[in-house]
Protein backbone atom coordinates (compact mmCIF):
# COMPACT_ATOMS: atom_id res chain seq x y z
CA UNK A 1 44.54 34.41 -42.78
CA UNK A 2 43.95 37.92 -41.50
CA UNK A 3 46.23 39.68 -39.07
CA UNK A 4 45.67 39.02 -35.40
CA UNK A 5 44.46 35.43 -35.85
CA UNK A 6 47.67 33.45 -35.48
CA UNK A 7 46.71 30.54 -33.22
CA UNK A 8 48.56 29.70 -30.05
CA UNK A 9 51.58 27.39 -30.54
CA UNK A 10 52.26 28.74 -34.05
CA UNK A 11 56.02 28.81 -34.63
CA UNK A 12 57.48 31.60 -36.75
CA UNK A 13 60.85 31.39 -38.45
CA UNK A 14 61.41 28.06 -36.75
CA UNK A 15 62.06 29.60 -33.32
CA UNK A 16 59.33 32.00 -32.11
CA UNK A 17 56.32 30.22 -30.60
CA UNK A 18 53.15 32.29 -30.29
CA UNK A 19 51.53 32.25 -26.85
CA UNK A 20 48.64 34.67 -27.34
CA UNK A 21 47.73 37.98 -29.00
CA UNK A 22 47.98 40.97 -26.67
CA UNK A 23 46.81 43.74 -28.97
CA UNK A 24 45.37 44.39 -32.40
CA UNK A 25 44.76 47.43 -34.54
CA UNK A 26 45.95 49.49 -37.45
CA UNK A 27 47.87 47.33 -39.87
CA UNK A 28 48.45 44.35 -37.59
CA UNK A 29 48.73 42.80 -34.17
CA UNK A 30 51.11 42.24 -31.27
CA UNK A 31 51.70 38.78 -29.78
CA UNK A 32 53.30 37.40 -26.69
CA UNK A 33 55.73 34.65 -27.68
CA UNK A 34 58.73 32.66 -26.49
CA UNK A 35 62.09 32.35 -28.21
CA UNK A 36 62.74 28.60 -28.42
CA UNK A 37 66.36 29.18 -29.43
CA UNK A 38 67.22 31.26 -26.37
CA UNK A 39 66.05 29.59 -23.17
CA UNK A 40 62.35 30.25 -23.89
CA UNK A 41 62.83 33.98 -23.35
CA UNK A 42 59.54 35.87 -23.51
CA UNK A 43 59.37 38.32 -26.40
CA UNK A 44 56.82 40.51 -28.12
CA UNK A 45 56.22 40.02 -31.82
CA UNK A 46 54.73 42.89 -33.75
CA UNK A 47 52.99 41.82 -36.91
CA UNK A 48 52.01 43.77 -39.99
CA UNK A 49 49.69 42.07 -42.44
CA UNK A 50 49.74 43.17 -46.08
CA UNK A 51 46.40 41.56 -46.86
CA UNK A 52 43.35 43.70 -47.64
CA UNK A 53 45.53 46.75 -48.34
CA UNK A 54 45.75 48.63 -51.59
CA UNK A 55 49.10 48.72 -53.34
CA UNK A 56 49.71 52.24 -52.04
CA UNK A 57 48.72 51.26 -48.49
CA UNK A 58 50.98 48.22 -48.64
CA UNK A 59 53.90 50.41 -49.67
CA UNK A 60 53.23 52.95 -46.90
CA UNK A 61 52.79 50.27 -44.25
CA UNK A 62 55.89 48.35 -45.33
CA UNK A 63 57.97 51.53 -45.34
CA UNK A 64 56.81 52.47 -41.84
CA UNK A 65 57.45 48.95 -40.57
CA UNK A 66 60.94 48.71 -42.08
CA UNK A 67 61.75 52.17 -40.74
CA UNK A 68 60.77 51.14 -37.22
CA UNK A 69 62.96 48.02 -37.45
CA UNK A 70 66.00 49.89 -38.74
CA UNK A 71 65.64 52.78 -36.27
CA UNK A 72 65.25 50.55 -33.22
CA UNK A 73 68.07 48.22 -34.26
CA UNK A 74 70.57 51.04 -33.83
CA UNK A 75 69.23 52.37 -30.51
CA UNK A 76 70.09 51.37 -26.96
CA UNK A 77 68.37 53.09 -24.05
CA UNK A 78 66.61 51.94 -20.84
CA UNK A 79 63.35 53.58 -21.96
CA UNK A 80 63.28 51.92 -25.39
CA UNK A 81 62.40 48.30 -26.16
CA UNK A 82 65.23 46.29 -27.67
CA UNK A 83 64.80 44.72 -31.09
CA UNK A 84 66.06 41.18 -31.61
CA UNK A 85 64.94 40.23 -35.10
CA UNK A 86 62.77 41.26 -38.05
CA UNK A 87 61.62 39.16 -41.01
CA UNK A 88 58.73 38.46 -43.38
CA UNK A 89 56.75 35.25 -43.64
CA UNK A 90 53.61 34.37 -45.62
CA UNK A 91 52.77 37.91 -46.60
CA UNK A 92 53.38 39.47 -43.19
CA UNK A 93 56.19 41.45 -41.61
CA UNK A 94 57.33 40.59 -38.09
CA UNK A 95 59.36 42.58 -35.57
CA UNK A 96 60.71 40.68 -32.52
CA UNK A 97 61.35 42.85 -29.49
CA UNK A 98 61.24 43.07 -25.69
CA UNK A 99 57.99 41.98 -24.10
CA UNK A 100 57.04 44.76 -21.70
CA UNK A 101 54.84 43.69 -18.81
CA UNK A 102 52.52 46.58 -18.10
CA UNK A 103 49.92 48.83 -19.66
CA UNK A 104 49.88 51.90 -21.84
CA UNK A 105 49.68 55.29 -20.21
CA UNK A 106 46.36 55.66 -22.02
CA UNK A 107 45.02 52.61 -20.15
CA UNK A 108 46.41 53.94 -16.89
CA UNK A 109 44.52 57.20 -17.35
CA UNK A 110 41.31 55.31 -18.04
CA UNK A 111 41.49 53.84 -14.52
CA UNK A 112 42.03 57.19 -12.79
CA UNK A 113 39.31 59.51 -11.47
CA UNK A 114 38.70 62.21 -14.11
CA UNK A 115 41.58 60.74 -16.14
CA UNK A 116 44.23 62.59 -14.10
CA UNK A 117 47.44 61.59 -12.36
CA UNK A 118 48.96 62.96 -9.14
CA UNK A 119 51.50 65.70 -9.75
CA UNK A 120 54.47 63.72 -8.41
CA UNK A 121 53.70 60.86 -10.80
CA UNK A 122 53.36 63.32 -13.69
CA UNK A 123 56.81 64.71 -12.88
CA UNK A 124 58.39 61.23 -12.67
CA UNK A 125 56.91 60.20 -16.00
CA UNK A 126 57.82 63.52 -17.61
CA UNK A 127 61.46 63.24 -16.53
CA UNK A 128 61.74 59.71 -17.95
CA UNK A 129 60.22 60.86 -21.25
CA UNK A 130 62.69 63.73 -21.35
CA UNK A 131 65.52 61.23 -20.87
CA UNK A 132 64.53 59.09 -23.82
CA UNK A 133 63.65 62.04 -26.09
CA UNK A 134 66.97 63.64 -25.20
CA UNK A 135 68.70 60.43 -26.26
CA UNK A 136 66.85 60.37 -29.59
CA UNK A 137 67.53 64.04 -30.26
CA UNK A 138 71.25 63.56 -29.52
CA UNK A 139 71.68 60.99 -32.31
CA UNK A 140 73.40 62.09 -35.50
CA UNK A 141 71.30 62.99 -37.32
CA UNK A 142 68.65 63.63 -34.63
CA UNK A 143 65.67 61.27 -34.49
CA UNK A 144 62.29 62.97 -34.14
CA UNK A 145 59.67 60.65 -32.66
CA UNK A 146 56.68 62.63 -34.04
CA UNK A 147 53.95 60.59 -32.34
CA UNK A 148 54.34 60.99 -28.58
CA UNK A 149 51.01 60.34 -26.85
CA UNK A 150 49.72 58.17 -23.97
CA UNK A 151 48.86 55.29 -26.32
CA UNK A 152 52.53 55.05 -27.37
CA UNK A 153 53.92 55.03 -23.83
CA UNK A 154 54.15 51.77 -21.90
CA UNK A 155 54.23 51.85 -18.12
CA UNK A 156 55.41 48.94 -15.96
CA UNK A 157 54.13 48.21 -12.46
CA UNK A 158 57.35 49.78 -11.11
CA UNK A 159 56.60 53.05 -12.91
CA UNK A 160 59.25 52.54 -15.60
CA UNK A 161 58.44 54.12 -18.97
CA UNK A 162 58.99 52.66 -22.44
CA UNK A 163 58.45 54.58 -25.66
CA UNK A 164 56.86 52.34 -28.29
CA UNK A 165 55.75 52.50 -31.93
CA UNK A 166 58.45 54.14 -34.05
CA UNK A 167 56.42 53.76 -37.22
CA UNK A 168 56.49 57.47 -38.16
CA UNK A 169 59.70 58.58 -36.47
CA UNK A 170 62.08 60.30 -38.86
CA UNK A 171 65.59 61.59 -39.14
CA UNK A 172 66.03 65.37 -39.10
CA UNK A 173 67.39 66.55 -42.45
CA UNK A 174 69.17 69.92 -42.37
CA UNK A 175 68.03 72.24 -45.13
CA UNK A 176 64.70 70.49 -45.74
CA UNK A 177 61.83 72.97 -45.51
CA UNK A 178 59.05 70.57 -44.56
CA UNK A 179 58.23 66.91 -43.99
CA UNK A 180 57.61 64.74 -47.01
CA UNK A 181 54.46 63.28 -45.44
CA UNK A 182 52.17 64.88 -42.89
CA UNK A 183 51.78 62.29 -40.13
CA UNK A 184 50.91 62.45 -36.46
CA UNK A 185 48.03 62.14 -34.01
CA UNK A 186 45.50 64.95 -33.83
CA UNK A 187 45.82 66.96 -30.64
CA UNK A 188 49.38 65.80 -29.95
CA UNK A 189 50.88 66.68 -33.36
CA UNK A 190 52.50 70.11 -33.63
CA UNK A 191 51.32 72.48 -36.39
CA UNK A 192 54.48 71.88 -38.45
CA UNK A 193 53.50 68.22 -38.84
CA UNK A 194 50.62 69.31 -41.06
CA UNK A 195 52.97 70.30 -43.86
CA UNK A 196 53.89 73.77 -42.60
CA UNK A 197 57.54 73.00 -41.84
CA UNK A 198 59.99 70.19 -41.12
CA UNK A 199 59.69 68.32 -37.82
CA UNK A 200 62.42 69.22 -35.34
CA UNK A 201 63.11 68.37 -31.69
CA UNK A 202 60.61 71.14 -30.85
CA UNK A 203 57.95 68.93 -32.48
CA UNK A 204 58.45 66.32 -29.77
CA UNK A 205 58.50 69.06 -27.12
CA UNK A 206 55.03 70.12 -28.30
CA UNK A 207 53.71 66.54 -28.06
CA UNK A 208 55.22 66.11 -24.60
CA UNK A 209 53.56 69.35 -23.51
CA UNK A 210 50.21 68.13 -24.81
CA UNK A 211 50.70 64.82 -22.99
CA UNK A 212 51.65 66.48 -19.70
CA UNK A 213 48.60 68.76 -20.02
CA UNK A 214 46.37 65.71 -20.38
CA UNK A 215 47.98 63.92 -17.41
CA UNK A 216 47.27 66.90 -15.15
CA UNK A 217 43.86 68.03 -16.45
CA UNK A 218 42.33 64.81 -17.78
CA UNK A 219 41.43 66.62 -21.01
CA UNK A 220 42.08 64.68 -24.23
CA UNK A 221 43.74 67.15 -26.66
CA UNK A 222 42.37 65.31 -29.69
CA UNK A 223 38.93 66.80 -28.92
CA UNK A 224 40.22 70.36 -29.35
CA UNK A 225 43.59 70.47 -31.13
CA UNK A 226 45.84 73.49 -30.47
CA UNK A 227 43.64 74.60 -27.55
CA UNK A 228 44.88 74.08 -23.99
CA UNK A 229 42.88 75.31 -21.01
CA UNK A 230 44.50 76.46 -17.74
CA UNK A 231 45.06 73.77 -15.12
CA UNK A 232 42.09 73.36 -12.76
CA UNK A 233 44.55 73.01 -9.86
CA UNK A 234 45.93 76.41 -8.92
CA UNK A 235 48.44 75.75 -6.15
CA UNK A 236 51.96 77.09 -6.66
CA UNK A 237 53.47 73.85 -7.98
CA UNK A 238 50.72 73.28 -10.54
CA UNK A 239 50.96 76.91 -11.68
CA UNK A 240 54.69 76.47 -12.19
CA UNK A 241 54.19 73.33 -14.27
CA UNK A 242 51.37 75.03 -16.20
CA UNK A 243 53.72 77.85 -17.18
CA UNK A 244 56.18 75.33 -18.60
CA UNK A 245 53.51 73.32 -20.44
CA UNK A 246 52.02 76.45 -22.04
CA UNK A 247 55.46 77.30 -23.42
CA UNK A 248 55.83 73.78 -24.78
CA UNK A 249 52.55 73.90 -26.75
CA UNK A 250 53.15 77.22 -28.48
CA UNK A 251 52.11 77.01 -32.14
CA UNK A 252 55.35 78.71 -33.20
CA UNK A 253 58.22 76.30 -32.69
CA UNK A 254 60.65 79.15 -31.97
CA UNK A 255 58.64 80.10 -28.87
CA UNK A 256 58.93 76.65 -27.29
CA UNK A 257 61.82 75.64 -24.98
CA UNK A 258 65.06 75.42 -26.93
CA UNK A 259 65.72 71.77 -26.06
CA UNK A 260 64.30 68.81 -24.20
CA UNK A 261 67.12 69.28 -21.66
CA UNK A 262 65.61 72.62 -20.71
CA UNK A 263 62.26 70.94 -20.09
CA UNK A 264 63.89 68.17 -18.06
CA UNK A 265 65.79 70.65 -15.90
CA UNK A 266 62.59 72.46 -14.97
CA UNK A 267 60.74 69.21 -14.19
CA UNK A 268 63.62 67.96 -12.03
CA UNK A 269 63.85 71.28 -10.23
CA UNK A 270 60.15 71.21 -9.39
CA UNK A 271 60.37 67.55 -8.29
CA UNK A 272 63.39 68.33 -6.07
CA UNK A 273 61.60 71.27 -4.48
CA UNK A 274 58.56 69.11 -3.66
CA UNK A 275 60.77 66.36 -2.24
CA UNK A 276 62.69 68.85 -0.12
CA UNK A 277 59.47 70.40 1.17
CA UNK A 278 58.24 66.98 2.32
CA UNK A 279 61.50 65.96 3.95
CA UNK A 280 62.24 69.26 5.73
CA UNK A 281 60.47 70.06 9.03
CA UNK A 282 58.36 73.16 9.06
CA UNK A 283 60.55 76.23 9.81
CA UNK A 284 60.28 77.61 13.34
CA UNK A 285 58.22 80.72 13.77
CA UNK A 286 61.35 82.65 14.65
CA UNK A 287 63.11 81.75 11.40
CA UNK A 288 63.82 84.75 9.27
CA UNK A 289 62.23 85.17 5.87
CA UNK A 290 65.69 85.30 4.32
CA UNK A 291 66.69 81.90 5.75
CA UNK A 292 63.49 80.28 4.46
CA UNK A 293 64.10 81.82 1.05
CA UNK A 294 67.66 80.49 1.08
CA UNK A 295 66.42 76.96 1.79
CA UNK A 296 63.88 77.18 -1.03
CA UNK A 297 66.49 78.51 -3.44
CA UNK A 298 68.88 75.68 -2.55
CA UNK A 299 66.13 73.12 -3.10
CA UNK A 300 65.37 74.55 -6.52
CA UNK A 301 69.01 74.12 -7.49
CA UNK A 302 69.29 70.54 -6.18
CA UNK A 303 70.03 68.16 -9.07
CA UNK A 304 68.38 64.76 -9.25
CA UNK A 305 71.15 62.51 -7.89
CA UNK A 306 69.88 59.09 -9.03
CA UNK A 307 68.58 58.14 -12.48
CA UNK A 308 67.50 54.65 -13.56
CA UNK A 309 69.48 53.43 -16.58
CA UNK A 310 68.37 49.80 -16.65
CA UNK A 311 65.93 47.46 -14.92
CA UNK A 312 66.83 43.79 -15.34
CA UNK A 313 64.15 41.17 -14.71
CA UNK A 314 65.82 38.02 -16.03
CA UNK A 315 65.61 36.15 -12.72
CA UNK A 316 62.51 34.48 -11.37
CA UNK A 317 60.16 37.01 -9.85
CA UNK A 318 60.32 37.36 -6.05
CA UNK A 319 63.48 35.24 -5.87
CA UNK A 320 66.09 37.36 -4.10
CA UNK A 321 69.21 38.63 -5.87
CA UNK A 322 72.11 37.71 -3.55
CA UNK A 323 75.16 38.73 -5.60
CA UNK A 324 76.15 41.24 -8.27
CA UNK A 325 79.49 41.76 -10.00
CA UNK A 326 80.61 44.12 -12.79
CA UNK A 327 82.99 42.92 -15.47
CA UNK A 328 86.37 44.70 -15.29
CA UNK A 329 85.55 46.77 -18.40
CA UNK A 330 82.21 47.87 -16.93
CA UNK A 331 80.25 46.54 -19.90
CA UNK A 332 78.57 43.53 -18.28
CA UNK A 333 76.93 42.66 -14.99
CA UNK A 334 76.66 39.19 -13.49
CA UNK A 335 73.79 38.44 -11.12
CA UNK A 336 72.73 35.43 -9.09
CA UNK A 337 70.29 34.56 -6.36
CA UNK A 338 67.63 32.29 -4.99
CA UNK A 339 66.64 30.82 -8.37
CA UNK A 340 70.05 29.11 -8.68
CA UNK A 341 71.03 30.66 -12.02
CA UNK A 342 74.02 32.84 -12.85
CA UNK A 343 73.13 35.41 -15.50
CA UNK A 344 75.48 37.68 -17.44
CA UNK A 345 73.96 40.69 -19.19
CA UNK A 346 74.75 44.06 -20.73
CA UNK A 347 74.71 46.69 -18.00
CA UNK A 348 72.83 49.47 -19.77
CA UNK A 349 70.57 47.48 -22.08
CA UNK A 350 69.78 44.44 -19.92
CA UNK A 351 70.40 42.18 -22.92
CA UNK A 352 71.31 38.72 -21.63
CA UNK A 353 74.64 37.32 -22.84
CA UNK A 354 74.87 34.05 -20.92
CA UNK A 355 72.79 32.03 -18.50
CA UNK A 356 74.86 29.57 -16.48
CA UNK A 357 73.08 26.63 -14.87
CA UNK A 358 74.71 24.05 -12.63
CA UNK A 359 74.36 24.99 -8.97
CA UNK A 360 71.89 23.00 -6.95
CA UNK A 361 70.23 25.76 -4.96
CA UNK A 362 70.76 29.49 -4.37
CA UNK A 363 73.96 31.20 -5.53
CA UNK A 364 75.36 33.58 -2.88
CA UNK A 365 78.63 34.92 -4.31
CA UNK A 366 80.14 36.08 -7.61
CA UNK A 367 83.58 37.28 -8.72
CA UNK A 368 85.03 38.13 -12.14
CA UNK A 369 88.54 37.16 -13.12
CA UNK A 370 90.74 40.25 -13.61
CA UNK A 371 90.91 39.57 -17.37
CA UNK A 372 87.10 39.46 -17.58
CA UNK A 373 87.05 36.07 -19.32
CA UNK A 374 85.83 33.91 -16.42
CA UNK A 375 83.32 34.18 -13.61
CA UNK A 376 83.37 32.39 -10.27
CA UNK A 377 80.17 31.59 -8.37
CA UNK A 378 79.59 30.25 -4.87
CA UNK A 379 76.47 28.45 -3.76
CA UNK A 380 74.41 26.71 -1.15
CA UNK A 381 75.43 23.38 -2.68
CA UNK A 382 78.91 23.84 -1.16
CA UNK A 383 80.70 24.37 -4.48
CA UNK A 384 82.53 27.16 -6.25
CA UNK A 385 82.11 26.96 -10.02
CA UNK A 386 84.08 28.68 -12.77
CA UNK A 387 82.29 29.72 -15.96
CA UNK A 388 83.49 30.78 -19.39
CA UNK A 389 82.22 34.18 -20.51
CA UNK A 390 82.38 33.29 -24.20
CA UNK A 391 80.44 30.01 -24.00
CA UNK A 392 78.63 30.13 -20.65
CA UNK A 393 79.92 26.62 -19.95
CA UNK A 394 81.29 25.41 -16.64
CA UNK A 395 85.10 25.15 -16.70
CA UNK A 396 85.70 23.56 -13.30
CA UNK A 397 84.33 23.36 -9.78
CA UNK A 398 85.88 23.42 -6.33
CA UNK A 399 84.31 21.11 -3.75
CA UNK A 400 86.65 21.44 -0.79
CA UNK A 401 84.09 22.94 1.62
CA UNK A 402 81.75 20.84 3.72
CA UNK A 403 78.78 23.27 3.76
CA UNK A 404 77.26 26.31 2.01
CA UNK A 405 79.71 28.72 0.36
CA UNK A 406 78.61 32.33 0.88
CA UNK A 407 81.36 34.37 -0.74
CA UNK A 408 84.09 34.08 -3.36
CA UNK A 409 86.85 36.54 -4.28
CA UNK A 410 89.43 36.52 -7.09
CA UNK A 411 92.97 37.72 -6.31
CA UNK A 412 94.12 40.80 -8.28
CA UNK A 413 96.77 38.74 -10.11
CA UNK A 414 94.11 36.26 -11.25
CA UNK A 415 95.94 33.20 -9.90
CA UNK A 416 94.02 32.52 -6.67
CA UNK A 417 90.46 32.30 -5.42
CA UNK A 418 89.31 32.66 -1.82
CA UNK A 419 85.98 31.19 -0.69
CA UNK A 420 84.13 31.60 2.63
CA UNK A 421 81.78 28.99 4.00
CA UNK A 422 79.21 28.01 6.58
CA UNK A 423 81.79 25.41 7.71
CA UNK A 424 83.73 28.22 9.43
CA UNK A 425 86.70 28.26 7.07
CA UNK A 426 88.15 30.34 4.27
CA UNK A 427 89.88 28.34 1.52
CA UNK A 428 92.52 29.95 -0.67
CA UNK A 429 93.17 27.84 -3.75
CA UNK A 430 94.97 28.02 -7.06
CA UNK A 431 92.75 28.61 -10.07
CA UNK A 432 94.93 26.43 -12.29
CA UNK A 433 95.02 23.56 -9.74
CA UNK A 434 92.09 23.71 -7.28
CA UNK A 435 93.51 20.81 -5.24
CA UNK A 436 96.31 23.18 -4.10
CA UNK A 437 94.70 25.04 -1.22
CA UNK A 438 95.34 26.57 2.19
CA UNK A 439 92.61 26.65 4.82
CA UNK A 440 92.14 29.54 7.24
CA UNK A 441 90.40 28.39 10.42
CA UNK A 442 90.56 31.40 12.76
CA UNK A 443 86.80 31.99 12.68
CA UNK A 444 84.76 30.15 15.28
CA UNK A 445 81.51 30.16 13.32
CA UNK A 446 80.28 30.48 9.73
CA UNK A 447 82.13 32.94 7.46
CA UNK A 448 79.82 35.15 5.40
CA UNK A 449 82.27 37.34 3.46
CA UNK A 450 85.84 37.37 2.17
CA UNK A 451 87.69 39.99 0.10
CA UNK A 452 91.25 40.52 -1.19
CA UNK A 453 93.06 43.78 -0.52
CA UNK A 454 93.78 45.84 -3.67
CA UNK A 455 97.43 44.71 -3.61
CA UNK A 456 96.50 41.07 -3.21
CA UNK A 457 98.83 40.70 -0.20
CA UNK A 458 96.10 40.48 2.44
CA UNK A 459 92.57 39.16 2.85
CA UNK A 460 89.72 40.16 5.11
CA UNK A 461 86.92 37.91 6.30
CA UNK A 462 83.96 38.12 8.63
CA UNK A 463 80.87 36.24 9.69
CA UNK A 464 78.80 34.94 12.56
CA UNK A 465 81.56 35.24 15.19
CA UNK A 466 81.19 39.05 14.80
CA UNK A 467 84.95 39.51 14.26
CA UNK A 468 86.46 41.21 11.21
CA UNK A 469 89.80 39.48 10.60
CA UNK A 470 92.52 40.86 8.31
CA UNK A 471 95.28 38.39 7.49
CA UNK A 472 98.21 37.94 5.09
CA UNK A 473 97.92 35.93 1.92
CA UNK A 474 99.14 32.34 2.36
CA UNK A 475 102.50 31.82 0.67
CA UNK A 476 102.72 28.04 0.67
CA UNK A 477 100.68 24.85 0.58
CA UNK A 478 101.26 24.00 4.23
CA UNK A 479 98.88 21.84 6.21
CA UNK A 480 95.83 23.71 7.41
CA UNK A 481 96.77 23.70 11.14
CA UNK A 482 100.24 25.14 10.42
CA UNK A 483 98.80 27.72 8.04
CA UNK A 484 96.34 28.85 10.71
CA UNK A 485 99.10 29.11 13.33
CA UNK A 486 101.41 31.18 11.15
CA UNK A 487 98.67 33.50 9.95
CA UNK A 488 97.23 34.03 13.44
CA UNK A 489 100.47 35.73 14.50
CA UNK A 490 100.20 38.33 11.72
CA UNK A 491 96.49 38.92 11.53
CA UNK A 492 94.56 42.01 12.70
CA UNK A 493 91.30 41.45 14.58
CA UNK A 494 88.62 44.16 14.55
CA UNK A 495 85.92 43.70 17.15
CA UNK A 496 83.10 46.23 17.03
CA UNK A 497 79.36 45.79 17.38
CA UNK A 498 78.74 42.22 18.49
CA UNK A 499 76.58 41.26 15.55
CA UNK A 500 77.13 39.09 12.49
CA UNK A 501 79.15 40.53 9.59
CA UNK A 502 77.33 40.05 6.26
CA UNK A 503 79.51 42.04 3.85
CA UNK A 504 82.94 43.66 3.68
CA UNK A 505 84.61 46.10 1.26
CA UNK A 506 88.13 47.50 0.95
CA UNK A 507 88.91 51.11 0.11
CA UNK A 508 90.74 51.49 -3.19
CA UNK A 509 94.08 52.30 -1.50
CA UNK A 510 93.77 49.40 0.94
CA UNK A 511 94.10 51.63 4.01
CA UNK A 512 90.57 51.01 5.25
CA UNK A 513 88.00 48.26 5.26
CA UNK A 514 84.25 48.51 5.87
CA UNK A 515 82.09 45.83 7.49
CA UNK A 516 78.29 45.61 7.31
CA UNK A 517 76.66 44.33 10.50
CA UNK A 518 73.39 42.53 11.16
CA UNK A 519 72.86 45.01 14.00
CA UNK A 520 72.34 47.87 11.55
CA UNK A 521 75.83 49.41 11.70
CA UNK A 522 78.51 49.78 9.05
CA UNK A 523 81.98 50.09 10.58
CA UNK A 524 85.10 51.46 8.88
CA UNK A 525 88.40 50.18 10.24
CA UNK A 526 92.01 51.21 9.64
CA UNK A 527 93.47 48.03 8.18
CA UNK A 528 97.04 48.02 9.56
CA UNK A 529 96.32 48.33 13.29
CA UNK A 530 92.60 47.59 13.42
CA UNK A 531 91.46 50.97 14.75
CA UNK A 532 87.81 51.88 14.36
CA UNK A 533 87.54 55.06 12.29
CA UNK A 534 83.79 55.44 11.89
CA UNK A 535 80.46 53.74 12.58
CA UNK A 536 77.50 54.55 10.33
CA UNK A 537 74.26 53.93 12.24
CA UNK A 538 71.46 55.16 9.96
CA UNK A 539 70.03 51.80 8.89
CA UNK A 540 66.90 50.48 10.56
CA UNK A 541 67.75 46.79 10.62
CA UNK A 542 70.47 44.39 9.42
CA UNK A 543 72.82 45.58 6.65
CA UNK A 544 73.35 42.87 4.02
CA UNK A 545 75.01 44.75 1.15
CA UNK A 546 78.01 47.05 0.94
CA UNK A 547 80.09 48.54 -1.87
CA UNK A 548 82.86 51.14 -1.82
CA UNK A 549 82.86 53.54 -4.74
CA UNK A 550 86.18 53.27 -6.63
CA UNK A 551 87.05 56.93 -6.06
CA UNK A 552 86.92 56.28 -2.30
CA UNK A 553 84.48 59.09 -1.61
CA UNK A 554 81.19 57.22 -1.11
CA UNK A 555 79.97 53.94 0.28
CA UNK A 556 76.66 52.38 -0.67
CA UNK A 557 74.91 50.13 1.84
CA UNK A 558 71.55 48.38 1.95
CA UNK A 559 69.63 45.84 3.93
CA UNK A 560 66.40 44.86 5.59
CA UNK A 561 65.02 48.41 5.73
CA UNK A 562 64.74 48.36 1.91
CA UNK A 563 66.69 51.60 1.55
CA UNK A 564 69.89 52.20 -0.36
CA UNK A 565 72.13 54.54 1.63
CA UNK A 566 74.97 56.47 -0.03
CA UNK A 567 77.22 58.20 2.47
CA UNK A 568 80.61 59.85 2.75
CA UNK A 569 83.40 57.56 3.85
CA UNK A 570 85.39 60.35 5.50
CA UNK A 571 82.77 61.45 8.04
CA UNK A 572 79.69 59.23 7.63
CA UNK A 573 77.60 62.13 6.39
CA UNK A 574 74.53 60.79 4.60
CA UNK A 575 74.45 61.83 0.96
CA UNK A 576 71.19 60.18 -0.10
CA UNK A 577 68.76 57.42 0.78
CA UNK A 578 66.59 55.83 -1.86
CA UNK A 579 63.68 53.39 -1.67
CA UNK A 580 63.79 51.29 -4.83
CA UNK A 581 60.75 49.27 -3.69
CA UNK A 582 62.63 46.01 -4.20
CA UNK A 583 62.07 44.87 -0.61
CA UNK A 584 65.17 43.76 1.28
CA UNK A 585 68.42 44.86 -0.42
CA UNK A 586 70.82 41.93 -0.67
CA UNK A 587 73.43 43.11 -3.19
CA UNK A 588 75.09 46.37 -4.26
CA UNK A 589 77.99 46.96 -6.64
CA UNK A 590 79.58 50.11 -8.08
CA UNK A 591 80.72 50.04 -11.69
CA UNK A 592 84.52 50.19 -12.19
CA UNK A 593 84.32 53.87 -13.17
CA UNK A 594 82.08 54.72 -10.20
CA UNK A 595 79.37 56.17 -12.42
CA UNK A 596 76.73 53.47 -11.94
CA UNK A 597 75.40 51.52 -8.98
CA UNK A 598 73.78 48.09 -9.37
CA UNK A 599 71.21 47.03 -6.78
CA UNK A 600 69.59 43.63 -6.27
CA UNK A 601 66.62 43.01 -4.02
CA UNK A 602 64.20 40.48 -2.65
CA UNK A 603 61.79 40.93 -5.57
CA UNK A 604 64.27 39.39 -8.04
CA UNK A 605 65.01 42.59 -9.97
CA UNK A 606 68.27 44.44 -10.55
CA UNK A 607 68.41 48.20 -11.05
CA UNK A 608 71.31 50.05 -12.66
CA UNK A 609 71.35 53.66 -11.49
CA UNK A 610 73.49 56.53 -12.64
CA UNK A 611 74.69 58.40 -9.57
CA UNK A 612 75.65 62.02 -10.08
């Protein structure tokens, strides 16, 4: 049987069922398949057939294939596909990896007029490619990709880039004068790849320059290797990019930029300047030339504040993500939403660890135990369920509420859980004995959010009665009416904008608490006396998601306007807004170290961003 003809339903290695071929060429084919041993996860299977090859060709192909498997197995980056398995069967080699929904950059160019892309898209793609090349070059020893070109770049519908086909990548070997084998693609391959010298990170810089030149001009470099014409567009921004690209494609490696970080910095600077120019109003005629120059100079120095590190698509498409929670060590993220599943996955790779099924309907709330070994989830079915991280199995469930449960929070000492419900109550119950509970009934309508203070001595809750209530932790198992009476005498009520509260967040020191309102405001209250400190009013519509950065400096908020807002807690000054194109933002969560922000939206995706 020749490569590329595996019929649908073929099962490889007893677990990978072929759905259909999606590509064929070279030494083999690529198939779409499902992993029967892991919840029918969709995967891509790359096949290399050894039939019809000479002995020498078989050896070369097998070496390239094994090299790709071993290289990818040790790499973890948002712009690289993950490898799950590799094996041989019936004279063929197979590599099991992420299935990437999208098209190659080569295919994208074929759909564009004159084979060109808009400058802003070129910059976005270029920055992502710099990120992944920088990661490869930072390995020890450095990994040189050696075959960067549009055909080896996958592009998703969201504009996310994946670098594929590591068949001729190699490790940089200090002291070696030239490559053992001259490999590469004509037009994109640097002169040193033709046996003149060893490939270095500058080799990939050359290929990236050739690729960027093609994206802007539409000219395929394979038709005239080592010859790059000036850009047909001659506005200032294109001329600036042209100057960079012409440095990148110098035939002498020493005349190219010293590192991929240098290339990235220039691309980001140009992108920031264009963004600033679009967002700033035209200067008044009376503005001095020096002030305009100062603004331009500041824009050039503006760093890119938000970088995508992971895009997780494990949930059903277009089913909203309602809750996100980081594990205490910052390694894992738990997500849940309209599809009813609770999924636990690696934060920076997106690799799924557990999928917990049991809720009957959407899951609205999540909370990790302080030791990171258990996860609590709250759902429309009126239950709170506890899951084991190691097995993904349900440990117990709490069914004390009489309606939907919107929020769940774990006490800092790990002994208690608090849950907020449509039934208008907050239940505080012992993890070890769920039947031991106190019921807080001060709210007059449904309760949408509950959170423990950092010390665990107080709780805050809010919902449809528009009142933020801060109250002491119950200390006994008294009857619910007595508990409510005692707590009402010690609680703090914060009444601001008369709109529903959808989310709340404590500051790290417990002095302040923020409340997200359906009226578009986020209010920050002093927690001891209930004094309003600040009202952030920049959202255009209800605010559903709120997270306080652990260092206390920034809050992140999101909602119906589809924008993520990051702003300063001390004065409400807006730091950035970002449209992730996920639709309504339902969930936000900072990582424990404050470096990353997770964002879940209506489209069913979760982004992990690095915030600088």
